[in-house]
């Protein structure tokens, strides 16, 4: 089998594209992990606020009013 310059260029391009896609996939997984953590933190903060609003809305009226 002869290794023509075109064949070598095609193989090199495929290896480079695979490496690029691999690193892109790793970066996206890291961003996904960060996003899930941030959404979880936001969910906890919203639950805390909902609890405060429920407590405020159910507060009994004072006898002075």
PDB file of N, CA and C in Angstrom:
ATOM      1  N   UNK A   1       0.856  -1.177   0.000  1.00  0.00           N
ATOM      2  CA  UNK A   1       0.000   0.000   0.000  1.00  0.00           C
ATOM      3  C   UNK A   1       0.896   1.232   0.000  1.00  0.00           C
ATOM      4  N   UNK A   2       0.589   2.154  -0.858  1.00  0.00           N
ATOM      5  CA  UNK A   2       1.368   3.391  -0.912  1.00  0.00           C
ATOM      6  C   UNK A   2       0.660   4.472  -0.105  1.00  0.00           C
ATOM      7  N   UNK A   3       1.465   5.204   0.602  1.00  0.00           N
ATOM      8  CA  UNK A   3       0.938   6.280   1.432  1.00  0.00           C
ATOM      9  C   UNK A   3       1.100   7.592   0.675  1.00  0.00           C
ATOM     10  N   UNK A   4       0.065   7.962  -0.005  1.00  0.00           N
ATOM     11  CA  UNK A   4       0.119   9.212  -0.757  1.00  0.00           C
ATOM     12  C   UNK A   4      -0.033  10.393   0.201  1.00  0.00           C
ATOM     13  N   UNK A   5       0.457  11.553  -0.179  1.00  0.00           N
ATOM     14  CA  UNK A   5       0.299  12.732   0.679  1.00  0.00           C
ATOM     15  C   UNK A   5      -1.168  13.052   0.968  1.00  0.00           C
ATOM     16  N   UNK A   6      -2.041  12.780   0.020  1.00  0.00           N
ATOM     17  CA  UNK A   6      -3.465  13.047   0.244  1.00  0.00           C
ATOM     18  C   UNK A   6      -4.033  12.147   1.335  1.00  0.00           C
ATOM     19  N   UNK A   7      -3.649  10.860   1.290  1.00  0.00           N
ATOM     20  CA  UNK A   7      -4.124   9.913   2.297  1.00  0.00           C
ATOM     21  C   UNK A   7      -3.600  10.288   3.681  1.00  0.00           C
ATOM     22  N   UNK A   8      -2.354  10.674   3.764  1.00  0.00           N
ATOM     23  CA  UNK A   8      -1.768  11.089   5.048  1.00  0.00           C
ATOM     24  C   UNK A   8      -2.482  12.328   5.571  1.00  0.00           C
ATOM     25  N   UNK A   9      -2.788  13.282   4.692  1.00  0.00           N
ATOM     26  CA  UNK A   9      -3.492  14.492   5.106  1.00  0.00           C
ATOM     27  C   UNK A   9      -4.898  14.163   5.605  1.00  0.00           C
ATOM     28  N   UNK A  10      -5.582  13.261   4.929  1.00  0.00           N
ATOM     29  CA  UNK A  10      -6.932  12.871   5.350  1.00  0.00           C
ATOM     30  C   UNK A  10      -6.892  12.197   6.714  1.00  0.00           C
ATOM     31  N   UNK A  11      -5.947  11.284   6.914  1.00  0.00           N
ATOM     32  CA  UNK A  11      -5.837  10.607   8.210  1.00  0.00           C
ATOM     33  C   UNK A  11      -5.467  11.580   9.325  1.00  0.00           C
ATOM     34  N   UNK A  12      -4.564  12.487   9.034  1.00  0.00           N
ATOM     35  CA  UNK A  12      -4.172  13.481  10.040  1.00  0.00           C
ATOM     36  C   UNK A  12      -5.353  14.375  10.398  1.00  0.00           C
ATOM     37  N   UNK A  13      -6.149  14.743   9.422  1.00  0.00           N
ATOM     38  CA  UNK A  13      -7.321  15.576   9.675  1.00  0.00           C
ATOM     39  C   UNK A  13      -8.344  14.824  10.521  1.00  0.00           C
ATOM     40  N   UNK A  14      -8.519  13.547  10.257  1.00  0.00           N
ATOM     41  CA  UNK A  14      -9.455  12.756  11.047  1.00  0.00           C
ATOM     42  C   UNK A  14      -9.001  12.634  12.495  1.00  0.00           C
ATOM     43  N   UNK A  15      -7.712  12.436  12.701  1.00  0.00           N
ATOM     44  CA  UNK A  15      -7.181  12.348  14.063  1.00  0.00           C
ATOM     45  C   UNK A  15      -7.353  13.689  14.775  1.00  0.00           C
ATOM     46  N   UNK A  16      -7.077  14.783  14.086  1.00  0.00           N
ATOM     47  CA  UNK A  16      -7.236  16.105  14.689  1.00  0.00           C
ATOM     48  C   UNK A  16      -8.698  16.384  15.016  1.00  0.00           C
ATOM     49  N   UNK A  17      -9.610  16.019  14.117  1.00  0.00           N
ATOM     50  CA  UNK A  17     -11.042  16.234  14.362  1.00  0.00           C
ATOM     51  C   UNK A  17     -11.518  15.400  15.547  1.00  0.00           C
ATOM     52  N   UNK A  18     -11.034  14.151  15.648  1.00  0.00           N
ATOM     53  CA  UNK A  18     -11.421  13.306  16.779  1.00  0.00           C
ATOM     54  C   UNK A  18     -10.914  13.902  18.092  1.00  0.00           C
ATOM     55  N   UNK A  19      -9.690  14.402  18.102  1.00  0.00           N
ATOM     56  CA  UNK A  19      -9.162  15.042  19.310  1.00  0.00           C
ATOM     57  C   UNK A  19      -9.943  16.281  19.687  1.00  0.00           C
ATOM     58  N   UNK A  20     -10.315  17.067  18.703  1.00  0.00           N
ATOM     59  CA  UNK A  20     -11.108  18.271  18.964  1.00  0.00           C
ATOM     60  C   UNK A  20     -12.466  17.901  19.546  1.00  0.00           C
ATOM     61  N   UNK A  21     -13.136  16.915  18.957  1.00  0.00           N
ATOM     62  CA  UNK A  21     -14.448  16.502  19.453  1.00  0.00           C
ATOM     63  C   UNK A  21     -14.351  15.912  20.856  1.00  0.00           C
ATOM     64  N   UNK A  22     -13.282  15.191  21.130  1.00  0.00           N
ATOM     65  CA  UNK A  22     -13.082  14.613  22.462  1.00  0.00           C
ATOM     66  C   UNK A  22     -12.963  15.731  23.509  1.00  0.00           C
ATOM     67  N   UNK A  23     -12.146  16.737  23.227  1.00  0.00           N
ATOM     68  CA  UNK A  23     -11.973  17.838  24.185  1.00  0.00           C
ATOM     69  C   UNK A  23     -13.252  18.659  24.316  1.00  0.00           C
ATOM     70  N   UNK A  24     -13.968  18.833  23.221  1.00  0.00           N
ATOM     71  CA  UNK A  24     -15.238  19.567  23.270  1.00  0.00           C
ATOM     72  C   UNK A  24     -16.246  18.813  24.129  1.00  0.00           C
ATOM     73  N   UNK A  25     -16.296  17.514  23.973  1.00  0.00           N
ATOM     74  CA  UNK A  25     -17.212  16.689  24.766  1.00  0.00           C
ATOM     75  C   UNK A  25     -16.875  16.802  26.255  1.00  0.00           C
ATOM     76  N   UNK A  26     -15.598  16.765  26.578  1.00  0.00           N
ATOM     77  CA  UNK A  26     -15.172  16.877  27.979  1.00  0.00           C
ATOM     78  C   UNK A  26     -15.560  18.238  28.560  1.00  0.00           C
ATOM     79  N   UNK A  27     -15.379  19.302  27.773  1.00  0.00           N
ATOM     80  CA  UNK A  27     -15.743  20.636  28.238  1.00  0.00           C
ATOM     81  C   UNK A  27     -17.248  20.774  28.445  1.00  0.00           C
ATOM     82  N   UNK A  28     -18.023  20.211  27.543  1.00  0.00           N
ATOM     83  CA  UNK A  28     -19.481  20.293  27.665  1.00  0.00           C
ATOM     84  C   UNK A  28     -19.956  19.519  28.887  1.00  0.00           C
ATOM     85  N   UNK A  29     -19.339  18.377  29.162  1.00  0.00           N
ATOM     86  CA  UNK A  29     -19.716  17.619  30.359  1.00  0.00           C
ATOM     87  C   UNK A  29     -19.414  18.424  31.619  1.00  0.00           C
ATOM     88  N   UNK A  30     -18.298  19.143  31.632  1.00  0.00           N
ATOM     89  CA  UNK A  30     -17.975  19.982  32.782  1.00  0.00           C
ATOM     90  C   UNK A  30     -18.967  21.119  32.949  1.00  0.00           C
ATOM     91  N   UNK A  31     -19.359  21.739  31.842  1.00  0.00           N
ATOM     92  CA  UNK A  31     -20.355  22.804  31.907  1.00  0.00           C
ATOM     93  C   UNK A  31     -21.701  22.277  32.373  1.00  0.00           C
ATOM     94  N   UNK A  32     -22.063  21.077  31.921  1.00  0.00           N
ATOM     95  CA  UNK A  32     -23.320  20.463  32.337  1.00  0.00           C
ATOM     96  C   UNK A  32     -23.312  20.208  33.840  1.00  0.00           C
ATOM     97  N   UNK A  33     -22.183  19.721  34.346  1.00  0.00           N
ATOM     98  CA  UNK A  33     -22.061  19.462  35.777  1.00  0.00           C
ATOM     99  C   UNK A  33     -22.203  20.755  36.572  1.00  0.00           C
ATOM    100  N   UNK A  34     -21.564  21.825  36.107  1.00  0.00           N
ATOM    101  CA  UNK A  34     -21.666  23.118  36.780  1.00  0.00           C
ATOM    102  C   UNK A  34     -23.090  23.660  36.727  1.00  0.00           C
ATOM    103  N   UNK A  35     -23.734  23.510  35.586  1.00  0.00           N
ATOM    104  CA  UNK A  35     -25.108  23.997  35.436  1.00  0.00           C
ATOM    105  C   UNK A  35     -26.050  23.251  36.367  1.00  0.00           C
ATOM    106  N   UNK A  36     -25.894  21.938  36.466  1.00  0.00           N
ATOM    107  CA  UNK A  36     -26.756  21.165  37.367  1.00  0.00           C
ATOM    108  C   UNK A  36     -26.545  21.587  38.817  1.00  0.00           C
ATOM    109  N   UNK A  37     -25.307  21.853  39.210  1.00  0.00           N
ATOM    110  CA  UNK A  37     -25.034  22.300  40.575  1.00  0.00           C
ATOM    111  C   UNK A  37     -25.682  23.654  40.833  1.00  0.00           C
ATOM    112  N   UNK A  38     -25.562  24.570  39.850  1.00  0.00           N
ATOM    113  CA  UNK A  38     -26.153  25.896  40.014  1.00  0.00           C
ATOM    114  C   UNK A  38     -27.673  25.836  40.088  1.00  0.00           C
ATOM    115  N   UNK A  39     -28.282  24.986  39.282  1.00  0.00           N
ATOM    116  CA  UNK A  39     -29.739  24.841  39.322  1.00  0.00           C
ATOM    117  C   UNK A  39     -30.167  24.259  40.665  1.00  0.00           C
ATOM    118  N   UNK A  40     -29.407  23.324  41.197  1.00  0.00           N
ATOM    119  CA  UNK A  40     -29.718  22.767  42.509  1.00  0.00           C
ATOM    120  C   UNK A  40     -29.632  23.830  43.595  1.00  0.00           C
ATOM    121  N   UNK A  41     -28.598  24.669  43.525  1.00  0.00           N
ATOM    122  CA  UNK A  41     -28.484  25.765  44.496  1.00  0.00           C
ATOM    123  C   UNK A  41     -29.658  26.731  44.374  1.00  0.00           C
ATOM    124  N   UNK A  42     -30.036  27.052  43.156  1.00  0.00           N
ATOM    125  CA  UNK A  42     -31.163  27.957  42.932  1.00  0.00           C
ATOM    126  C   UNK A  42     -32.459  27.346  43.449  1.00  0.00           C
ATOM    127  N   UNK A  43     -32.625  26.047  43.256  1.00  0.00           N
ATOM    128  CA  UNK A  43     -33.830  25.357  43.743  1.00  0.00           C
ATOM    129  C   UNK A  43     -33.920  25.464  45.263  1.00  0.00           C
ATOM    130  N   UNK A  44     -32.792  25.297  45.943  1.00  0.00           N
ATOM    131  CA  UNK A  44     -32.794  25.403  47.404  1.00  0.00           C
ATOM    132  C   UNK A  44     -33.145  26.821  47.850  1.00  0.00           C
ATOM    133  N   UNK A  45     -32.591  27.821  47.172  1.00  0.00           N
ATOM    134  CA  UNK A  45     -32.880  29.209  47.546  1.00  0.00           C
ATOM    135  C   UNK A  45     -34.347  29.549  47.318  1.00  0.00           C
ATOM    136  N   UNK A  46     -34.920  29.048  46.212  1.00  0.00           N
ATOM    137  CA  UNK A  46     -36.327  29.312  45.925  1.00  0.00           C
ATOM    138  C   UNK A  46     -37.219  28.616  46.945  1.00  0.00           C
ATOM    139  N   UNK A  47     -36.863  27.407  47.373  1.00  0.00           N
ATOM    140  CA  UNK A  47     -37.653  26.705  48.376  1.00  0.00           C
ATOM    141  C   UNK A  47     -37.640  27.473  49.694  1.00  0.00           C
ATOM    142  N   UNK A  48     -36.492  28.045  50.026  1.00  0.00           N
ATOM    143  CA  UNK A  48     -36.401  28.841  51.244  1.00  0.00           C
ATOM    144  C   UNK A  48     -37.311  30.066  51.155  1.00  0.00           C
ATOM    145  N   UNK A  49     -37.299  30.738  50.004  1.00  0.00           N
ATOM    146  CA  UNK A  49     -38.174  31.897  49.821  1.00  0.00           C
ATOM    147  C   UNK A  49     -39.650  31.505  49.846  1.00  0.00           C
ATOM    148  N   UNK A  50     -39.986  30.385  49.240  1.00  0.00           N
ATOM    149  CA  UNK A  50     -41.374  29.925  49.264  1.00  0.00           C
ATOM    150  C   UNK A  50     -41.824  29.673  50.696  1.00  0.00           C
ATOM    151  N   UNK A  51     -40.957  29.098  51.501  1.00  0.00           N
ATOM    152  CA  UNK A  51     -41.299  28.874  52.903  1.00  0.00           C
ATOM    153  C   UNK A  51     -41.515  30.178  53.648  1.00  0.00           C
ATOM    154  N   UNK A  52     -40.685  31.170  53.360  1.00  0.00           N
ATOM    155  CA  UNK A  52     -40.875  32.470  54.010  1.00  0.00           C
ATOM    156  C   UNK A  52     -42.189  33.109  53.589  1.00  0.00           C
ATOM    157  N   UNK A  53     -42.520  33.026  52.305  1.00  0.00           N
ATOM    158  CA  UNK A  53     -43.779  33.606  51.831  1.00  0.00           C
ATOM    159  C   UNK A  53     -44.985  32.881  52.417  1.00  0.00           C
ATOM    160  N   UNK A  54     -44.919  31.554  52.523  1.00  0.00           N
ATOM    161  CA  UNK A  54     -46.024  30.811  53.113  1.00  0.00           C
ATOM    162  C   UNK A  54     -46.212  31.192  54.576  1.00  0.00           C
ATOM    163  N   UNK A  55     -45.114  31.328  55.306  1.00  0.00           N
ATOM    164  CA  UNK A  55     -45.211  31.743  56.712  1.00  0.00           C
ATOM    165  C   UNK A  55     -45.771  33.147  56.843  1.00  0.00           C
ATOM    166  N   UNK A  56     -45.409  34.025  55.933  1.00  0.00           N
ATOM    167  CA  UNK A  56     -45.913  35.395  55.976  1.00  0.00           C
ATOM    168  C   UNK A  56     -47.406  35.430  55.645  1.00  0.00           C
ATOM    169  N   UNK A  57     -47.849  34.644  54.680  1.00  0.00           N
ATOM    170  CA  UNK A  57     -49.247  34.654  54.258  1.00  0.00           C
ATOM    171  C   UNK A  57     -50.150  34.016  55.296  1.00  0.00           C
ATOM    172  N   UNK A  58     -49.652  33.085  56.084  1.00  0.00           N
ATOM    173  CA  UNK A  58     -50.469  32.397  57.087  1.00  0.00           C
ATOM    174  C   UNK A  58     -50.380  33.040  58.467  1.00  0.00           C
ATOM    175  N   UNK A  59     -49.687  34.157  58.569  1.00  0.00           N
ATOM    176  CA  UNK A  59     -49.530  34.826  59.853  1.00  0.00           C
ATOM    177  C   UNK A  59     -50.910  35.269  60.346  1.00  0.00           C
ATOM    178  N   UNK A  60     -51.271  34.906  61.580  1.00  0.00           N
ATOM    179  CA  UNK A  60     -52.593  35.295  62.102  1.00  0.00           C
ATOM    180  C   UNK A  60     -52.672  36.805  62.315  1.00  0.00           C
ATOM    181  N   UNK A  61     -53.856  37.336  62.111  1.00  0.00           N
ATOM    182  CA  UNK A  61     -54.030  38.781  62.291  1.00  0.00           C
ATOM    183  C   UNK A  61     -53.979  39.085  63.784  1.00  0.00           C
ATOM    184  N   UNK A  62     -53.445  40.234  64.118  1.00  0.00           N
ATOM    185  CA  UNK A  62     -53.313  40.603  65.524  1.00  0.00           C
ATOM    186  C   UNK A  62     -54.677  41.061  66.056  1.00  0.00           C
ATOM    187  N   UNK A  63     -54.834  40.983  67.361  1.00  0.00           N
ATOM    188  CA  UNK A  63     -56.099  41.356  67.998  1.00  0.00           C
ATOM    189  C   UNK A  63     -56.311  42.871  67.977  1.00  0.00           C
ATOM    190  N   UNK A  64     -55.227  43.639  67.754  1.00  0.00           N
ATOM    191  CA  UNK A  64     -55.344  45.094  67.754  1.00  0.00           C
ATOM    192  C   UNK A  64     -56.003  45.613  66.500  1.00  0.00           C
ATOM    193  N   UNK A  65     -56.013  44.881  65.428  1.00  0.00           N
ATOM    194  CA  UNK A  65     -56.502  45.381  64.145  1.00  0.00           C
ATOM    195  C   UNK A  65     -57.994  45.371  64.034  1.00  0.00           C
TER     196      UNK A  65
END
